[in-house]
Protein backbone atom coordinates (compact mmCIF):
# COMPACT_ATOMS: atom_id res chain seq x y z
CA MET A 1 3.04 -8.42 11.66
CA LYS A 2 4.30 -7.03 8.88
CA VAL A 3 3.64 -3.83 7.76
CA ILE A 4 2.26 -2.08 4.51
CA ILE A 5 3.54 1.02 2.85
CA SER A 6 1.21 3.87 0.70
CA HIS A 7 1.62 7.33 -0.36
CA ASP A 8 -1.21 9.30 -2.10
CA VAL A 9 -0.90 11.96 -4.87
CA ASP A 10 -2.70 14.78 -4.12
CA HIS A 11 -0.84 17.38 -5.78
CA LEU A 12 1.04 17.22 -8.92
CA TYR A 13 1.65 21.46 -10.45
CA ARG A 14 1.05 24.45 -9.42
CA ASP A 15 -1.10 25.40 -12.45
CA ASP A 16 -3.85 22.74 -11.37
CA HIS A 17 -4.53 24.76 -8.96
CA TYR A 18 -5.05 28.39 -10.35
CA PHE A 19 -9.03 27.86 -10.86
CA ASP A 20 -10.14 26.21 -7.02
CA LEU A 21 -9.00 27.55 -3.33
CA ILE A 22 -5.76 25.55 -2.26
CA TYR A 23 -3.60 28.35 -2.54
CA PRO A 24 -6.10 30.55 -0.30
CA LYS A 25 -7.22 27.77 1.84
CA LEU A 26 -2.83 27.14 2.83
CA TRP A 27 -2.79 30.90 3.16
CA VAL A 28 -4.98 31.01 5.88
CA ARG A 29 -4.12 27.59 6.96
CA GLU A 30 -0.95 27.87 8.20
CA THR A 31 -0.77 31.77 9.18
CA ILE A 32 -2.60 30.26 11.95
CA SER A 33 -0.56 27.22 12.25
CA LEU A 34 2.20 29.78 13.10
CA LEU A 35 -0.31 32.31 14.86
CA LYS A 36 -0.98 28.90 17.74
CA ARG A 37 3.17 28.36 17.51
CA THR A 38 2.32 25.03 16.20
CA ILE A 39 4.85 25.31 13.40
CA THR A 40 8.30 27.19 13.11
CA PHE A 41 8.25 30.66 10.97
CA LYS A 42 10.90 28.64 9.24
CA GLU A 43 8.24 26.02 7.92
CA TRP A 44 5.34 28.70 7.65
CA HIS A 45 7.87 30.38 4.93
CA LEU A 46 8.15 27.63 2.83
CA ARG A 47 4.93 26.47 2.57
CA MET A 48 4.23 30.49 1.51
CA LEU A 49 6.52 29.38 -0.92
CA SER A 50 5.70 26.06 -1.95
CA THR A 51 2.78 28.34 -4.13
CA ILE A 52 5.06 29.40 -6.23
CA HIS A 53 6.96 26.13 -7.30
CA LYS A 54 6.43 24.69 -10.45
CA THR A 55 5.60 21.26 -9.14
CA ARG A 56 3.82 20.57 -6.39
CA HIS A 57 5.08 17.16 -5.01
CA ASN A 58 7.80 15.13 -3.65
CA ILE A 59 7.18 11.87 -5.52
CA LYS A 60 10.86 11.53 -6.77
CA GLU A 61 11.99 12.39 -3.14
CA VAL A 62 10.49 9.57 -1.54
CA MET A 63 10.70 7.22 -4.24
CA ALA A 64 14.87 8.06 -3.17
CA PHE A 65 13.86 7.51 0.17
CA ASP A 66 12.33 3.91 -0.25
CA ALA A 67 14.32 2.91 -2.74
CA LEU A 68 17.21 3.12 -0.21
CA HIS A 69 15.34 1.71 2.85
CA GLY A 70 14.12 -1.03 0.19
CA ILE A 71 9.71 0.02 0.57
CA PRO A 72 7.83 -1.78 -1.83
CA SER A 73 5.81 1.23 -1.30
CA THR A 74 2.28 1.91 -3.61
CA PHE A 75 1.55 5.56 -4.98
CA PHE A 76 -2.54 6.04 -5.67
CA PHE A 77 -2.73 8.66 -8.33
CA GLY A 78 -6.40 10.22 -8.82
CA MET A 79 -8.32 10.01 -12.25
CA ALA A 80 -11.01 12.38 -11.88
CA LYS A 81 -11.04 16.13 -10.26
CA GLY A 82 -12.43 16.71 -6.69
CA LEU A 83 -11.99 17.94 -3.62
CA GLY A 84 -9.04 19.39 -4.47
CA MET A 85 -7.68 16.68 -6.30
CA SER A 86 -7.01 18.70 -9.69
CA TYR A 87 -4.90 17.11 -12.08
CA SER A 88 -5.73 15.34 -14.75
CA LYS A 89 -4.87 11.30 -15.66
CA GLU A 90 -3.22 12.91 -18.93
CA LYS A 91 -0.61 14.87 -16.34
CA ALA A 92 -0.49 11.98 -14.08
CA LEU A 93 0.72 8.94 -16.59
CA PRO A 94 4.27 10.27 -16.82
CA VAL A 95 4.73 10.37 -13.63
CA ILE A 96 3.00 7.19 -13.19
CA LYS A 97 5.32 5.42 -15.86
CA GLU A 98 8.42 6.77 -13.92
CA VAL A 99 7.12 5.84 -10.45
CA TYR A 100 6.57 2.30 -12.17
CA SER A 101 9.59 2.29 -13.84
CA LYS A 102 11.17 2.56 -10.68
CA GLY A 103 10.06 -0.53 -9.41
CA PHE A 104 6.64 0.97 -7.22
CA ASP A 105 2.91 -0.23 -7.88
CA VAL A 106 0.50 2.70 -8.44
CA GLY A 107 -2.88 2.56 -8.17
CA VAL A 108 -6.53 4.57 -7.96
CA HIS A 109 -6.68 7.16 -5.37
CA GLY A 110 -10.40 7.91 -6.34
CA ILE A 111 -13.20 10.40 -6.34
CA ALA A 112 -16.09 8.91 -6.57
CA TYR A 113 -16.81 6.45 -3.92
CA ASN A 114 -20.63 5.94 -3.77
CA ASP A 115 -21.46 6.76 -8.09
CA MET A 116 -21.52 3.37 -9.29
CA SER A 117 -20.84 4.63 -13.27
CA ALA A 118 -18.51 7.17 -11.69
CA ILE A 119 -16.23 4.42 -10.09
CA LYS A 120 -16.43 2.19 -12.95
CA GLN A 121 -14.88 5.07 -14.87
CA GLU A 122 -12.32 5.88 -12.81
CA HIS A 123 -11.00 1.88 -12.42
CA ASP A 124 -11.23 2.02 -16.50
CA ALA A 125 -9.33 5.05 -17.57
CA PHE A 126 -6.92 3.87 -14.87
CA LYS A 127 -6.73 0.79 -16.68
CA GLU A 128 -6.42 2.56 -19.97
CA LEU A 129 -2.83 4.18 -19.52
CA GLY A 130 -1.98 0.52 -19.89
CA VAL A 131 0.72 1.27 -17.59
CA VAL A 132 -0.61 -2.15 -14.99
CA THR A 133 -4.05 -4.37 -15.68
CA GLU A 134 -5.39 -5.26 -12.02
CA PHE A 135 -5.04 -2.40 -9.08
CA GLY A 136 -5.84 -1.66 -5.88
CA ILE A 137 -8.09 2.09 -4.60
CA ARG A 138 -8.01 4.42 -2.31
CA GLU A 139 -10.20 6.74 -1.96
CA HIS A 140 -9.44 10.54 -1.63
CA TYR A 141 -9.84 11.59 2.03
CA VAL A 142 -10.37 8.20 2.69
CA ARG A 143 -14.79 8.76 1.95
CA TYR A 144 -16.58 5.28 1.70
CA ASP A 145 -20.71 4.31 3.29
CA ASN A 146 -22.12 1.28 3.16
CA GLY A 147 -22.12 -0.16 -0.01
CA THR A 148 -18.69 1.47 -1.49
CA PHE A 149 -16.72 -1.49 -0.88
CA VAL A 150 -18.73 -3.50 -2.87
CA LYS A 151 -18.64 -1.14 -5.49
CA LEU A 152 -15.87 -1.00 -5.74
CA ALA A 153 -14.98 -4.54 -6.19
CA LYS A 154 -17.41 -5.13 -8.42
CA ALA A 155 -15.67 -2.08 -10.31
CA GLY A 156 -12.44 -4.88 -10.61
CA TYR A 157 -10.59 -2.85 -8.03
CA LEU A 158 -7.94 -5.91 -6.68
CA TYR A 159 -7.67 -4.61 -3.74
CA ASP A 160 -9.22 -1.11 -1.52
CA SER A 161 -7.17 0.19 1.51
CA SER A 162 -9.66 3.75 2.81
CA GLU A 163 -11.38 1.89 5.52
CA PHE A 164 -10.82 4.13 8.71
CA ASN A 165 -12.20 5.70 11.83
CA LYS A 166 -11.26 9.23 11.08
CA LYS A 167 -12.51 9.80 15.10
CA ASN A 168 -9.96 7.53 16.74
CA GLY A 169 -7.38 8.70 14.26
CA CYS A 170 -6.54 4.56 12.83
CA CYS A 171 -8.32 2.03 12.20
CA ILE A 172 -7.14 -1.38 13.93
CA LYS A 173 -8.12 -3.81 11.36
CA ALA A 174 -6.86 -7.04 10.39
CA PRO A 175 -7.66 -7.46 5.86
CA TYR A 176 -10.78 -8.58 5.04
CA CYS A 177 -12.31 -10.21 1.82
CA VAL A 178 -15.25 -8.28 0.33
CA ASP A 179 -16.93 -9.47 -2.76
CA GLY A 180 -13.29 -11.00 -3.98
CA MET A 181 -11.66 -8.03 -3.41
CA TRP A 182 -9.18 -7.49 -0.67
CA GLU A 183 -10.20 -4.43 2.33
CA PHE A 184 -6.69 -3.52 3.73
CA PRO A 185 -8.14 -0.86 6.65
CA LEU A 186 -5.99 1.71 6.98
CA THR A 187 -4.04 1.35 10.14
CA MET A 188 -2.13 4.69 10.42
CA MET A 189 -2.06 8.40 8.36
CA ASP A 190 0.30 10.92 8.83
CA GLY A 191 -2.21 13.86 8.87
CA TYR A 192 -4.29 12.09 12.08
CA LEU A 193 -0.92 12.49 14.02
CA PRO A 194 0.06 15.24 16.33
CA TYR A 195 2.42 18.21 15.01
CA ASP A 196 5.09 16.91 17.54
CA PHE A 197 7.68 14.80 17.14
CA LYS A 198 7.89 13.07 20.26
CA LYS A 199 3.52 12.66 20.26
CA ALA A 200 3.91 11.13 16.92
CA LYS A 201 6.19 8.94 18.08
CA GLN A 202 3.93 8.19 21.00
CA ARG A 203 1.25 7.88 18.93
CA SER A 204 2.74 5.19 16.62
CA ARG A 205 4.64 3.55 19.15
CA ASP A 206 1.10 2.68 20.88
CA ILE A 207 -1.26 1.96 17.07
CA LEU A 208 1.56 -0.54 16.28
CA THR A 209 1.97 -2.16 19.71
CA LYS A 210 -1.69 -2.56 19.57
CA ALA A 211 -2.12 -3.99 15.73
CA GLN A 212 0.51 -6.19 17.30
CA ASN A 213 -1.27 -8.37 20.39
CA MET A 214 -4.54 -8.36 18.63
CA ASN A 215 -2.29 -10.28 16.03
CA ILE A 216 -2.93 -8.33 12.90
CA SER A 217 -0.59 -10.07 10.23
CA HIS A 218 -1.07 -6.50 8.20
CA VAL A 219 -0.55 -3.12 8.43
CA SER A 220 -1.31 0.00 6.44
CA ILE A 221 -0.02 3.14 6.63
CA LEU A 222 -0.03 6.01 4.54
CA PHE A 223 2.45 9.13 4.05
CA HIS A 224 1.14 11.83 1.75
CA ASP A 225 4.54 13.14 -0.26
CA PRO A 226 4.54 16.89 -0.33
CA LEU A 227 5.66 15.97 3.67
CA TYR A 228 8.43 14.86 2.99
CA SER A 229 10.06 18.25 3.22
CA ASP A 230 11.96 20.60 5.39
CA ALA A 231 7.72 22.51 5.44
CA TYR A 232 6.46 20.21 7.01
CA SER A 233 9.74 18.62 8.63
CA VAL A 234 8.10 16.86 12.03
CA TYR A 235 6.66 14.48 9.81
CA ARG A 236 9.23 14.13 7.10
CA ASP A 237 11.18 13.14 10.36
CA TRP A 238 8.61 10.91 11.41
CA TYR A 239 8.42 8.92 8.41
CA GLU A 240 11.55 8.58 8.67
CA TRP A 241 11.49 7.34 12.53
CA LEU A 242 8.63 5.35 11.69
CA VAL A 243 10.90 3.36 8.54
CA GLN A 244 13.57 2.34 11.23
CA TYR A 245 11.45 1.72 14.10
CA CYS A 246 9.34 -0.90 11.96
CA LYS A 247 13.22 -2.88 11.31
CA ASP A 248 14.30 -2.47 13.98
CA ASN A 249 11.30 -4.79 15.84
CA GLY A 250 10.96 -7.24 13.30
CA TYR A 251 8.44 -5.43 11.42
CA GLU A 252 8.45 -6.53 7.13
CA ILE A 253 7.29 -3.42 5.00
CA THR A 254 5.29 -5.66 2.13
CA SER A 255 3.64 -4.63 -0.28
CA TYR A 256 -0.59 -4.58 -1.28
CA ARG A 257 0.53 -7.56 -3.51
CA ASN A 258 2.66 -9.68 -1.31
CA ALA A 259 0.27 -9.38 1.05
CA ILE A 260 -2.34 -10.28 -1.69
CA ARG A 261 -0.35 -13.84 -2.46
CA GLU A 262 0.15 -14.15 1.41
CA LEU A 263 -3.33 -13.99 2.00
CA GLU A 264 -4.40 -15.90 0.05
CA CYS A 265 -1.77 -18.83 0.29
CA GLY A 266 -3.66 -18.52 4.12
CA LYS A 267 -6.56 -19.23 2.76
CA GLN A 268 -6.07 -22.88 1.39
């Protein structure tokens, strides 16, 4: 079984959120977590301070970790605004170029999922940046309906990794084709794991073991870059543990592009 790791870039800079509700929601949500003792006072304090930092992402830190451990990860960037993702594609372009120059793949973090015209606009906007000509997508908040994947295929995407079961908190399902586009179900993501290191590790073991027992060839895992910090120490430590766990158990870490080449070869 092979593991594909990716990162959704939901935020870039502080001033992207001056006119939305990201900061008030964060203040309330994290204070409730502190009162419930879900997080430590240190984590709460760091999360409060994060709202005054110019940069709202930890892409460089994640790239450094991934490079050190030989992880060919993919970073998905937004081409449209919505649901708290408020940066422009113009602001994203220098970051996209830097990520790609470091040897990592890039794709679209989509907003549109049921409007064919808007889906196509996001695809074409990313292509016009001139970084890559063929690329994949993951929908923001993994939103999709019965027609989304066909629309994504028609828009020209190489692959998608949005299928996810929010009720179960995972999607243990093999990659499959939709109108010539590969769909990689999202097996696991950080935010649907318990914010408890031991429980998160056990949940991850259970999911990966079940996928292996089902002979799933490729699993897809999402880690959000802002969580690679002391403010979210449980998720950061979980991610570092997960990478080592995959290596220790013989799960090769690969990329979506490599997986597509392997799967296409397997069809012949």
